[in-house]
Amino acid sequence: SFEVLQTVEDGLKKADADPSVKAVMICGENGKFSAGADIRGFSSPNRPARSLAALVSRIESSKKPVVAAIEGVAFGGGLEVALGCHYRVAHVKAQMGLPEVTLGLLPGAQGTQRLPRLIGVPAALDMITTGKHIPATEALKLGLVDEVVEENTIEAAIRLANKV
């Protein structure tokens, strides 16, 4: 939603401006990172000018390390947000993917560029063209996430942020 995009952007601006902040951690709520954008909003005449692609680029360009704490699902735009982060920690039960392609929609926030850079062209093409969901353990093998944990993902992401 527009509100989520605005909140994340405002938080990044505040963190970048505060010298006491050393790193940023992005997480979801209620055990889910993000299932992506609500496709009903794509055709809305009142669709805001703020784009997910601009936010993902803003995350990537942060001068401070940004760590994604992925729980539950990171699908579509949610995965693209995670791809914009410098590091990704996933719970062992997390799933990642770009399911919008099964509806004939291409990932619109540079996921088609960031994913191949991170995991290689063959694996990225498989995910991008099929909409296949992959579990956290496979994401770790591919290099999509930096760490998989069975414990509290947020605490693990904070530890990683402190380490880097």
C-alpha atoms as a PDB file:
ATOM      1  CA  SER A   1       0.000   0.000   0.000  1.00  0.00           C
ATOM      2  CA  PHE A   2       0.996   3.615  -0.343  1.00  0.00           C
ATOM      3  CA  GLU A   3       1.155   3.875   3.440  1.00  0.00           C
ATOM      4  CA  VAL A   4       3.666   1.022   3.706  1.00  0.00           C
ATOM      5  CA  LEU A   5       5.853   2.486   0.949  1.00  0.00           C
ATOM      6  CA  GLN A   6       5.777   5.889   2.637  1.00  0.00           C
ATOM      7  CA  THR A   7       6.534   4.455   6.088  1.00  0.00           C
ATOM      8  CA  VAL A   8       9.544   2.481   4.844  1.00  0.00           C
ATOM      9  CA  GLU A   9      10.867   5.465   2.888  1.00  0.00           C
ATOM     10  CA  ASP A  10      10.432   7.814   5.868  1.00  0.00           C
ATOM     11  CA  GLY A  11      12.194   5.306   8.126  1.00  0.00           C
ATOM     12  CA  LEU A  12      15.125   5.023   5.721  1.00  0.00           C
ATOM     13  CA  LYS A  13      15.480   8.790   5.475  1.00  0.00           C
ATOM     14  CA  LYS A  14      15.412   9.118   9.244  1.00  0.00           C
ATOM     15  CA  ALA A  15      17.955   6.311   9.715  1.00  0.00           C
ATOM     16  CA  ASP A  16      20.317   7.720   7.076  1.00  0.00           C
ATOM     17  CA  ALA A  17      20.197  11.151   8.717  1.00  0.00           C
ATOM     18  CA  ASP A  18      20.810   9.848  12.257  1.00  0.00           C
ATOM     19  CA  PRO A  19      24.516   9.245  12.970  1.00  0.00           C
ATOM     20  CA  SER A  20      23.647   7.000  15.920  1.00  0.00           C
ATOM     21  CA  VAL A  21      21.920   4.512  13.575  1.00  0.00           C
ATOM     22  CA  LYS A  22      24.482   2.040  12.243  1.00  0.00           C
ATOM     23  CA  ALA A  23      22.189  -0.272  10.243  1.00  0.00           C
ATOM     24  CA  VAL A  24      18.547  -0.762   9.265  1.00  0.00           C
ATOM     25  CA  MET A  25      16.425  -3.908   9.550  1.00  0.00           C
ATOM     26  CA  ILE A  26      13.228  -4.336   7.523  1.00  0.00           C
ATOM     27  CA  CYS A  27      10.679  -6.912   8.630  1.00  0.00           C
ATOM     28  CA  GLY A  28       7.034  -7.688   8.122  1.00  0.00           C
ATOM     29  CA  GLU A  29       4.295  -8.118  10.642  1.00  0.00           C
ATOM     30  CA  ASN A  30       2.487 -11.154  12.060  1.00  0.00           C
ATOM     31  CA  GLY A  31       5.051 -13.664  10.789  1.00  0.00           C
ATOM     32  CA  LYS A  32       4.998 -12.549   7.146  1.00  0.00           C
ATOM     33  CA  PHE A  33       7.590 -10.418   5.373  1.00  0.00           C
ATOM     34  CA  SER A  34       5.391  -9.359   2.457  1.00  0.00           C
ATOM     35  CA  ALA A  35       3.091 -11.079  -0.002  1.00  0.00           C
ATOM     36  CA  GLY A  36       3.679  -8.193  -2.417  1.00  0.00           C
ATOM     37  CA  ALA A  37       1.420  -5.571  -3.859  1.00  0.00           C
ATOM     38  CA  ASP A  38      -2.345  -5.841  -3.963  1.00  0.00           C
ATOM     39  CA  ILE A  39      -2.986  -6.249  -7.695  1.00  0.00           C
ATOM     40  CA  ARG A  40      -6.384  -4.589  -7.357  1.00  0.00           C
ATOM     41  CA  GLY A  41      -4.512  -1.315  -6.873  1.00  0.00           C
ATOM     42  CA  PHE A  42      -2.801  -1.573 -10.279  1.00  0.00           C
ATOM     43  CA  SER A  43      -5.882  -0.323 -12.116  1.00  0.00           C
ATOM     44  CA  SER A  44      -6.958   2.226  -9.528  1.00  0.00           C
ATOM     45  CA  PRO A  45      -7.415   5.749 -10.920  1.00  0.00           C
ATOM     46  CA  ASN A  46      -6.178   7.078  -7.560  1.00  0.00           C
ATOM     47  CA  ARG A  47      -2.940   5.108  -7.697  1.00  0.00           C
ATOM     48  CA  PRO A  48      -0.166   7.135  -6.009  1.00  0.00           C
ATOM     49  CA  ALA A  49       2.838   8.330  -8.004  1.00  0.00           C
ATOM     50  CA  ARG A  50       5.234   6.716  -5.493  1.00  0.00           C
ATOM     51  CA  SER A  51       6.517   3.471  -6.907  1.00  0.00           C
ATOM     52  CA  LEU A  52       7.845   0.297  -5.372  1.00  0.00           C
ATOM     53  CA  ALA A  53      10.774   0.407  -7.804  1.00  0.00           C
ATOM     54  CA  ALA A  54      11.832   3.812  -6.462  1.00  0.00           C
ATOM     55  CA  LEU A  55      11.645   2.523  -2.895  1.00  0.00           C
ATOM     56  CA  VAL A  56      13.704  -0.583  -3.711  1.00  0.00           C
ATOM     57  CA  SER A  57      16.341   1.631  -5.348  1.00  0.00           C
ATOM     58  CA  ARG A  58      16.284   3.860  -2.247  1.00  0.00           C
ATOM     59  CA  ILE A  59      16.878   0.831  -0.015  1.00  0.00           C
ATOM     60  CA  GLU A  60      19.740  -0.364  -2.202  1.00  0.00           C
ATOM     61  CA  SER A  61      21.399   3.063  -2.208  1.00  0.00           C
ATOM     62  CA  SER A  62      21.270   3.462   1.578  1.00  0.00           C
ATOM     63  CA  LYS A  63      24.674   4.372   2.973  1.00  0.00           C
ATOM     64  CA  LYS A  64      23.961   2.114   5.958  1.00  0.00           C
ATOM     65  CA  PRO A  65      23.580  -1.665   5.754  1.00  0.00           C
ATOM     66  CA  VAL A  66      19.962  -2.750   5.292  1.00  0.00           C
ATOM     67  CA  VAL A  67      19.006  -6.265   6.406  1.00  0.00           C
ATOM     68  CA  ALA A  68      15.734  -7.993   5.502  1.00  0.00           C
ATOM     69  CA  ALA A  69      14.256 -10.322   8.156  1.00  0.00           C
ATOM     70  CA  ILE A  70      12.120 -12.671   6.053  1.00  0.00           C
ATOM     71  CA  GLU A  71       9.409 -14.650   7.827  1.00  0.00           C
ATOM     72  CA  GLY A  72       6.497 -16.429   6.207  1.00  0.00           C
ATOM     73  CA  VAL A  73       6.497 -15.237   2.621  1.00  0.00           C
ATOM     74  CA  ALA A  74       8.436 -12.800   0.473  1.00  0.00           C
ATOM     75  CA  PHE A  75       6.472 -12.850  -2.760  1.00  0.00           C
ATOM     76  CA  GLY A  76       6.370 -10.451  -5.688  1.00  0.00           C
ATOM     77  CA  GLY A  77       7.083  -6.910  -4.569  1.00  0.00           C
ATOM     78  CA  GLY A  78       7.975  -8.259  -1.131  1.00  0.00           C
ATOM     79  CA  LEU A  79      10.803 -10.304  -2.633  1.00  0.00           C
ATOM     80  CA  GLU A  80      11.862  -7.278  -4.662  1.00  0.00           C
ATOM     81  CA  VAL A  81      12.114  -5.244  -1.438  1.00  0.00           C
ATOM     82  CA  ALA A  82      14.285  -7.997   0.044  1.00  0.00           C
ATOM     83  CA  LEU A  83      16.441  -8.003  -3.110  1.00  0.00           C
ATOM     84  CA  GLY A  84      17.061  -4.284  -2.608  1.00  0.00           C
ATOM     85  CA  CYS A  85      18.405  -4.955   0.889  1.00  0.00           C
ATOM     86  CA  HIS A  86      22.126  -5.514   1.332  1.00  0.00           C
ATOM     87  CA  TYR A  87      21.601  -8.692   3.393  1.00  0.00           C
ATOM     88  CA  ARG A  88      18.758 -11.158   3.890  1.00  0.00           C
ATOM     89  CA  VAL A  89      18.024 -13.465   6.836  1.00  0.00           C
ATOM     90  CA  ALA A  90      15.176 -15.952   6.425  1.00  0.00           C
ATOM     91  CA  HIS A  91      13.312 -18.195   8.814  1.00  0.00           C
ATOM     92  CA  VAL A  92      13.654 -21.853   7.845  1.00  0.00           C
ATOM     93  CA  LYS A  93       9.910 -21.981   7.041  1.00  0.00           C
ATOM     94  CA  ALA A  94       9.985 -18.893   4.783  1.00  0.00           C
ATOM     95  CA  GLN A  95       9.055 -19.087   1.090  1.00  0.00           C
ATOM     96  CA  MET A  96      10.186 -16.737  -1.678  1.00  0.00           C
ATOM     97  CA  GLY A  97       9.006 -16.248  -5.231  1.00  0.00           C
ATOM     98  CA  LEU A  98       7.587 -14.062  -7.968  1.00  0.00           C
ATOM     99  CA  PRO A  99       4.068 -15.498  -8.396  1.00  0.00           C
ATOM    100  CA  GLU A 100       2.746 -12.504 -10.311  1.00  0.00           C
ATOM    101  CA  VAL A 101       4.143 -14.034 -13.508  1.00  0.00           C
ATOM    102  CA  THR A 102       1.425 -16.694 -13.307  1.00  0.00           C
ATOM    103  CA  LEU A 103      -1.038 -13.828 -13.854  1.00  0.00           C
ATOM    104  CA  GLY A 104       0.932 -12.507 -16.835  1.00  0.00           C
ATOM    105  CA  LEU A 105       2.578  -9.708 -14.841  1.00  0.00           C
ATOM    106  CA  LEU A 106       6.326  -9.123 -14.838  1.00  0.00           C
ATOM    107  CA  PRO A 107       8.083  -8.139 -11.610  1.00  0.00           C
ATOM    108  CA  GLY A 108       8.038  -4.352 -11.816  1.00  0.00           C
ATOM    109  CA  ALA A 109      10.539  -3.206  -9.188  1.00  0.00           C
ATOM    110  CA  GLN A 110      13.753  -4.375 -10.888  1.00  0.00           C
ATOM    111  CA  GLY A 111      13.447  -7.929  -9.563  1.00  0.00           C
ATOM    112  CA  THR A 112      14.212  -9.190 -13.064  1.00  0.00           C
ATOM    113  CA  GLN A 113      17.576  -7.404 -12.865  1.00  0.00           C
ATOM    114  CA  ARG A 114      18.516  -7.936  -9.214  1.00  0.00           C
ATOM    115  CA  LEU A 115      17.625 -11.626  -8.971  1.00  0.00           C
ATOM    116  CA  PRO A 116      19.967 -12.819 -11.787  1.00  0.00           C
ATOM    117  CA  ARG A 117      22.807 -10.709 -10.359  1.00  0.00           C
ATOM    118  CA  LEU A 118      22.343 -12.403  -7.009  1.00  0.00           C
ATOM    119  CA  ILE A 119      21.680 -16.058  -7.903  1.00  0.00           C
ATOM    120  CA  GLY A 120      22.770 -16.350 -11.542  1.00  0.00           C
ATOM    121  CA  VAL A 121      20.799 -16.331 -14.762  1.00  0.00           C
ATOM    122  CA  PRO A 122      19.623 -19.978 -14.931  1.00  0.00           C
ATOM    123  CA  ALA A 123      18.123 -20.074 -11.415  1.00  0.00           C
ATOM    124  CA  ALA A 124      16.662 -16.580 -11.781  1.00  0.00           C
ATOM    125  CA  LEU A 125      15.063 -17.399 -15.131  1.00  0.00           C
ATOM    126  CA  ASP A 126      13.438 -20.454 -13.559  1.00  0.00           C
ATOM    127  CA  MET A 127      11.956 -18.356 -10.753  1.00  0.00           C
ATOM    128  CA  ILE A 128      10.967 -15.453 -13.013  1.00  0.00           C
ATOM    129  CA  THR A 129       9.306 -17.515 -15.740  1.00  0.00           C
ATOM    130  CA  THR A 130       7.521 -20.105 -13.600  1.00  0.00           C
ATOM    131  CA  GLY A 131       6.475 -18.160 -10.514  1.00  0.00           C
ATOM    132  CA  LYS A 132       7.860 -21.076  -8.488  1.00  0.00           C
ATOM    133  CA  HIS A 133       8.117 -20.566  -4.716  1.00  0.00           C
ATOM    134  CA  ILE A 134      11.365 -21.688  -3.152  1.00  0.00           C
ATOM    135  CA  PRO A 135      11.935 -22.570   0.495  1.00  0.00           C
ATOM    136  CA  ALA A 136      14.514 -20.747   2.597  1.00  0.00           C
ATOM    137  CA  THR A 137      16.945 -23.665   2.506  1.00  0.00           C
ATOM    138  CA  GLU A 138      17.013 -23.594  -1.299  1.00  0.00           C
ATOM    139  CA  ALA A 139      17.280 -19.795  -1.241  1.00  0.00           C
ATOM    140  CA  LEU A 140      20.398 -20.163   0.927  1.00  0.00           C
ATOM    141  CA  LYS A 141      21.977 -22.660  -1.493  1.00  0.00           C
ATOM    142  CA  LEU A 142      21.266 -20.304  -4.397  1.00  0.00           C
ATOM    143  CA  GLY A 143      22.670 -17.271  -2.554  1.00  0.00           C
ATOM    144  CA  LEU A 144      19.329 -15.476  -2.370  1.00  0.00           C
ATOM    145  CA  VAL A 145      19.579 -15.250   1.419  1.00  0.00           C
ATOM    146  CA  ASP A 146      22.682 -14.920   3.576  1.00  0.00           C
ATOM    147  CA  GLU A 147      21.438 -16.905   6.550  1.00  0.00           C
ATOM    148  CA  VAL A 148      18.597 -19.265   7.475  1.00  0.00           C
ATOM    149  CA  VAL A 149      17.539 -19.527  11.106  1.00  0.00           C
ATOM    150  CA  GLU A 150      15.103 -21.587  13.138  1.00  0.00           C
ATOM    151  CA  GLU A 151      14.923 -19.025  15.925  1.00  0.00           C
ATOM    152  CA  ASN A 152      13.649 -15.453  16.008  1.00  0.00           C
ATOM    153  CA  THR A 153      14.387 -14.007  12.567  1.00  0.00           C
ATOM    154  CA  ILE A 154      14.289 -10.404  13.728  1.00  0.00           C
ATOM    155  CA  GLU A 155      16.884 -11.037  16.444  1.00  0.00           C
ATOM    156  CA  ALA A 156      19.068 -12.897  13.904  1.00  0.00           C
ATOM    157  CA  ALA A 157      18.777  -9.996  11.448  1.00  0.00           C
ATOM    158  CA  ILE A 158      19.764  -7.531  14.181  1.00  0.00           C
ATOM    159  CA  ARG A 159      22.801  -9.690  15.033  1.00  0.00           C
ATOM    160  CA  LEU A 160      23.806  -9.740  11.363  1.00  0.00           C
ATOM    161  CA  ALA A 161      23.313  -5.976  11.105  1.00  0.00           C
ATOM    162  CA  ASN A 162      25.505  -5.460  14.178  1.00  0.00           C
ATOM    163  CA  LYS A 163      28.154  -7.760  12.722  1.00  0.00           C
ATOM    164  CA  VAL A 164      28.340  -5.949   9.384  1.00  0.00           C
END
